[in-house]
């Protein structure tokens, strides 16, 4: 069994808590500058790709995708 990798995905728009289930298992964090950070574990590249498809389908602006090191968590 592969250990999940924690990712941090930043998008330009702000997402409300109503999107929490849609982006599960990621946590939604709003930033003061108006962007949103999605952070959490994803089991594989397919799950990451599926999440990025959701971002695209919602016409959100992707700023960055970062894989966090275990010490960054």
N, C-alpha and C. Protein backbone atom coordinates (compact mmCIF):
# COMPACT_ATOMS: atom_id res chain seq x y z
N UNK A 1 0.84 -1.19 0.00
CA UNK A 1 0.00 0.00 0.00
C UNK A 1 0.89 1.25 0.00
N UNK A 2 0.60 2.16 -0.89
CA UNK A 2 1.37 3.38 -1.02
C UNK A 2 0.84 4.43 -0.04
N UNK A 3 1.77 5.14 0.58
CA UNK A 3 1.39 6.20 1.51
C UNK A 3 0.93 7.42 0.72
N UNK A 4 -0.13 8.05 1.18
CA UNK A 4 -0.65 9.25 0.51
C UNK A 4 0.38 10.37 0.58
N UNK A 5 0.39 11.19 -0.45
CA UNK A 5 1.28 12.36 -0.51
C UNK A 5 0.44 13.60 -0.24
N UNK A 6 0.96 14.50 0.56
CA UNK A 6 0.24 15.73 0.89
C UNK A 6 0.58 16.79 -0.15
N UNK A 7 -0.47 17.40 -0.71
CA UNK A 7 -0.32 18.45 -1.70
C UNK A 7 -0.91 19.75 -1.19
N UNK A 8 -0.39 20.84 -1.71
CA UNK A 8 -0.94 22.18 -1.46
C UNK A 8 -1.21 22.79 -2.83
N UNK A 9 -2.49 23.09 -3.06
CA UNK A 9 -2.92 23.63 -4.35
C UNK A 9 -3.49 25.02 -4.12
N UNK A 10 -2.94 25.99 -4.81
CA UNK A 10 -3.39 27.38 -4.64
C UNK A 10 -4.16 27.80 -5.89
N UNK A 11 -5.36 28.37 -5.65
CA UNK A 11 -6.15 28.91 -6.75
C UNK A 11 -6.45 30.38 -6.48
N UNK A 12 -6.67 31.12 -7.53
CA UNK A 12 -6.82 32.56 -7.43
C UNK A 12 -8.12 32.98 -6.73
N UNK A 13 -9.19 32.27 -7.00
CA UNK A 13 -10.50 32.64 -6.46
C UNK A 13 -10.68 32.11 -5.04
N UNK A 14 -11.59 32.73 -4.30
CA UNK A 14 -11.92 32.23 -2.97
C UNK A 14 -13.09 31.26 -3.06
N UNK A 15 -12.95 30.14 -2.37
CA UNK A 15 -14.00 29.13 -2.30
C UNK A 15 -14.59 29.15 -0.90
N UNK A 16 -15.89 29.07 -0.82
CA UNK A 16 -16.56 29.01 0.47
C UNK A 16 -16.56 27.59 1.02
N UNK A 17 -16.99 27.44 2.26
CA UNK A 17 -17.04 26.14 2.91
C UNK A 17 -18.01 25.18 2.22
N UNK A 18 -18.93 25.71 1.42
CA UNK A 18 -19.87 24.83 0.71
C UNK A 18 -19.14 23.91 -0.27
N UNK A 19 -17.90 24.20 -0.59
CA UNK A 19 -17.12 23.38 -1.50
C UNK A 19 -16.32 22.30 -0.79
N UNK A 20 -16.40 22.24 0.54
CA UNK A 20 -15.58 21.30 1.32
C UNK A 20 -15.80 19.85 0.89
N UNK A 21 -17.04 19.43 0.71
CA UNK A 21 -17.31 18.05 0.31
C UNK A 21 -16.82 17.78 -1.11
N UNK A 22 -16.96 18.76 -1.98
CA UNK A 22 -16.55 18.63 -3.39
C UNK A 22 -15.05 18.37 -3.50
N UNK A 23 -14.26 19.03 -2.62
CA UNK A 23 -12.80 18.90 -2.67
C UNK A 23 -12.24 17.97 -1.60
N UNK A 24 -13.11 17.20 -0.95
CA UNK A 24 -12.67 16.25 0.06
C UNK A 24 -11.63 15.31 -0.53
N UNK A 25 -10.52 15.01 0.10
CA UNK A 25 -10.18 15.16 1.50
C UNK A 25 -9.36 16.42 1.81
N UNK A 26 -9.33 17.38 0.91
CA UNK A 26 -8.51 18.57 1.12
C UNK A 26 -9.21 19.59 2.02
N UNK A 27 -8.42 20.30 2.79
CA UNK A 27 -8.93 21.39 3.62
C UNK A 27 -8.88 22.68 2.82
N UNK A 28 -9.88 23.52 3.00
CA UNK A 28 -9.96 24.80 2.29
C UNK A 28 -9.51 25.91 3.24
N UNK A 29 -8.52 26.67 2.81
CA UNK A 29 -8.02 27.80 3.60
C UNK A 29 -8.08 29.06 2.73
N UNK A 30 -8.80 30.06 3.20
CA UNK A 30 -8.88 31.34 2.49
C UNK A 30 -7.73 32.22 2.93
N UNK A 31 -7.13 32.93 1.99
CA UNK A 31 -6.01 33.81 2.31
C UNK A 31 -6.47 35.27 2.28
N UNK A 32 -5.75 36.15 2.97
CA UNK A 32 -6.11 37.57 2.99
C UNK A 32 -6.08 38.24 1.61
N UNK A 33 -5.27 37.70 0.69
CA UNK A 33 -5.17 38.32 -0.63
C UNK A 33 -6.27 37.85 -1.59
N UNK A 34 -7.20 37.02 -1.10
CA UNK A 34 -8.33 36.61 -1.94
C UNK A 34 -8.20 35.27 -2.62
N UNK A 35 -7.09 34.58 -2.41
CA UNK A 35 -6.94 33.26 -3.02
C UNK A 35 -7.35 32.17 -2.04
N UNK A 36 -7.32 30.94 -2.51
CA UNK A 36 -7.66 29.78 -1.69
C UNK A 36 -6.53 28.77 -1.77
N UNK A 37 -6.23 28.15 -0.62
CA UNK A 37 -5.25 27.08 -0.57
C UNK A 37 -5.98 25.80 -0.19
N UNK A 38 -5.82 24.78 -1.01
CA UNK A 38 -6.36 23.45 -0.74
C UNK A 38 -5.20 22.57 -0.31
N UNK A 39 -5.28 21.97 0.88
CA UNK A 39 -4.18 21.17 1.40
C UNK A 39 -4.70 19.84 1.92
N UNK A 40 -4.00 18.77 1.56
CA UNK A 40 -4.36 17.48 2.10
C UNK A 40 -3.72 16.33 1.36
N UNK A 41 -3.97 15.11 1.86
CA UNK A 41 -3.36 13.92 1.27
C UNK A 41 -4.14 13.41 0.05
N UNK A 42 -3.40 13.00 -0.95
CA UNK A 42 -3.97 12.37 -2.13
C UNK A 42 -3.24 11.05 -2.33
N UNK A 43 -3.97 10.00 -2.64
CA UNK A 43 -3.38 8.66 -2.65
C UNK A 43 -2.48 8.39 -3.86
N UNK A 44 -2.73 9.09 -4.99
CA UNK A 44 -1.92 8.82 -6.17
C UNK A 44 -2.09 9.95 -7.20
N UNK A 45 -1.37 9.82 -8.30
CA UNK A 45 -1.42 10.83 -9.36
C UNK A 45 -2.81 10.90 -10.00
N UNK A 46 -3.51 9.80 -10.06
CA UNK A 46 -4.85 9.80 -10.64
C UNK A 46 -5.80 10.67 -9.81
N UNK A 47 -5.70 10.58 -8.49
CA UNK A 47 -6.55 11.42 -7.63
C UNK A 47 -6.17 12.89 -7.77
N UNK A 48 -4.87 13.18 -7.88
CA UNK A 48 -4.42 14.56 -8.10
C UNK A 48 -4.97 15.07 -9.43
N UNK A 49 -4.86 14.29 -10.47
CA UNK A 49 -5.36 14.69 -11.78
C UNK A 49 -6.86 14.96 -11.74
N UNK A 50 -7.61 14.09 -11.06
CA UNK A 50 -9.05 14.29 -10.92
C UNK A 50 -9.39 15.59 -10.21
N UNK A 51 -8.62 15.93 -9.20
CA UNK A 51 -8.83 17.18 -8.49
C UNK A 51 -8.54 18.39 -9.40
N UNK A 52 -7.48 18.29 -10.18
CA UNK A 52 -7.15 19.39 -11.10
C UNK A 52 -8.21 19.52 -12.20
N UNK A 53 -8.83 18.43 -12.60
CA UNK A 53 -9.94 18.49 -13.56
C UNK A 53 -11.11 19.25 -12.94
N UNK A 54 -11.39 19.03 -11.65
CA UNK A 54 -12.45 19.77 -10.97
C UNK A 54 -12.15 21.27 -10.99
N UNK A 55 -10.90 21.64 -10.70
CA UNK A 55 -10.50 23.05 -10.73
C UNK A 55 -10.75 23.63 -12.11
N UNK A 56 -10.36 22.88 -13.14
CA UNK A 56 -10.56 23.32 -14.52
C UNK A 56 -12.04 23.45 -14.86
N UNK A 57 -12.84 22.44 -14.49
CA UNK A 57 -14.26 22.45 -14.83
C UNK A 57 -15.02 23.58 -14.15
N UNK A 58 -14.54 24.03 -13.00
CA UNK A 58 -15.15 25.16 -12.31
C UNK A 58 -14.62 26.51 -12.83
N UNK A 59 -13.74 26.43 -13.83
CA UNK A 59 -13.15 27.63 -14.44
C UNK A 59 -12.39 28.47 -13.41
N UNK A 60 -11.68 27.77 -12.50
CA UNK A 60 -10.87 28.44 -11.49
C UNK A 60 -9.46 28.62 -12.03
N UNK A 61 -8.78 29.64 -11.54
CA UNK A 61 -7.42 29.93 -11.98
C UNK A 61 -6.42 29.24 -11.07
N UNK A 62 -5.70 28.27 -11.61
CA UNK A 62 -4.69 27.53 -10.86
C UNK A 62 -3.42 28.37 -10.75
N UNK A 63 -2.96 28.59 -9.52
CA UNK A 63 -1.73 29.35 -9.31
C UNK A 63 -0.55 28.41 -9.14
N UNK A 64 -0.71 27.38 -8.29
CA UNK A 64 0.40 26.47 -8.06
C UNK A 64 -0.08 25.14 -7.49
N UNK A 65 0.75 24.12 -7.69
CA UNK A 65 0.56 22.80 -7.09
C UNK A 65 1.90 22.42 -6.49
N UNK A 66 1.92 22.15 -5.19
CA UNK A 66 3.16 21.79 -4.51
C UNK A 66 2.98 20.51 -3.70
N UNK A 67 3.96 19.64 -3.81
CA UNK A 67 3.98 18.46 -2.97
C UNK A 67 4.73 18.85 -1.70
N UNK A 68 4.12 18.63 -0.55
CA UNK A 68 4.75 18.99 0.71
C UNK A 68 5.61 17.85 1.23
N UNK A 69 6.75 18.21 1.77
CA UNK A 69 7.62 17.23 2.42
C UNK A 69 7.00 16.90 3.77
N UNK A 70 7.27 15.72 4.31
CA UNK A 70 6.71 15.36 5.62
C UNK A 70 6.97 16.41 6.70
N UNK A 71 8.08 17.12 6.64
CA UNK A 71 8.39 18.13 7.66
C UNK A 71 7.60 19.41 7.44
N UNK A 72 7.01 19.62 6.23
CA UNK A 72 6.21 20.81 5.92
C UNK A 72 4.79 20.68 6.44
N UNK A 73 4.38 19.49 6.80
CA UNK A 73 3.01 19.24 7.20
C UNK A 73 2.82 19.76 8.56
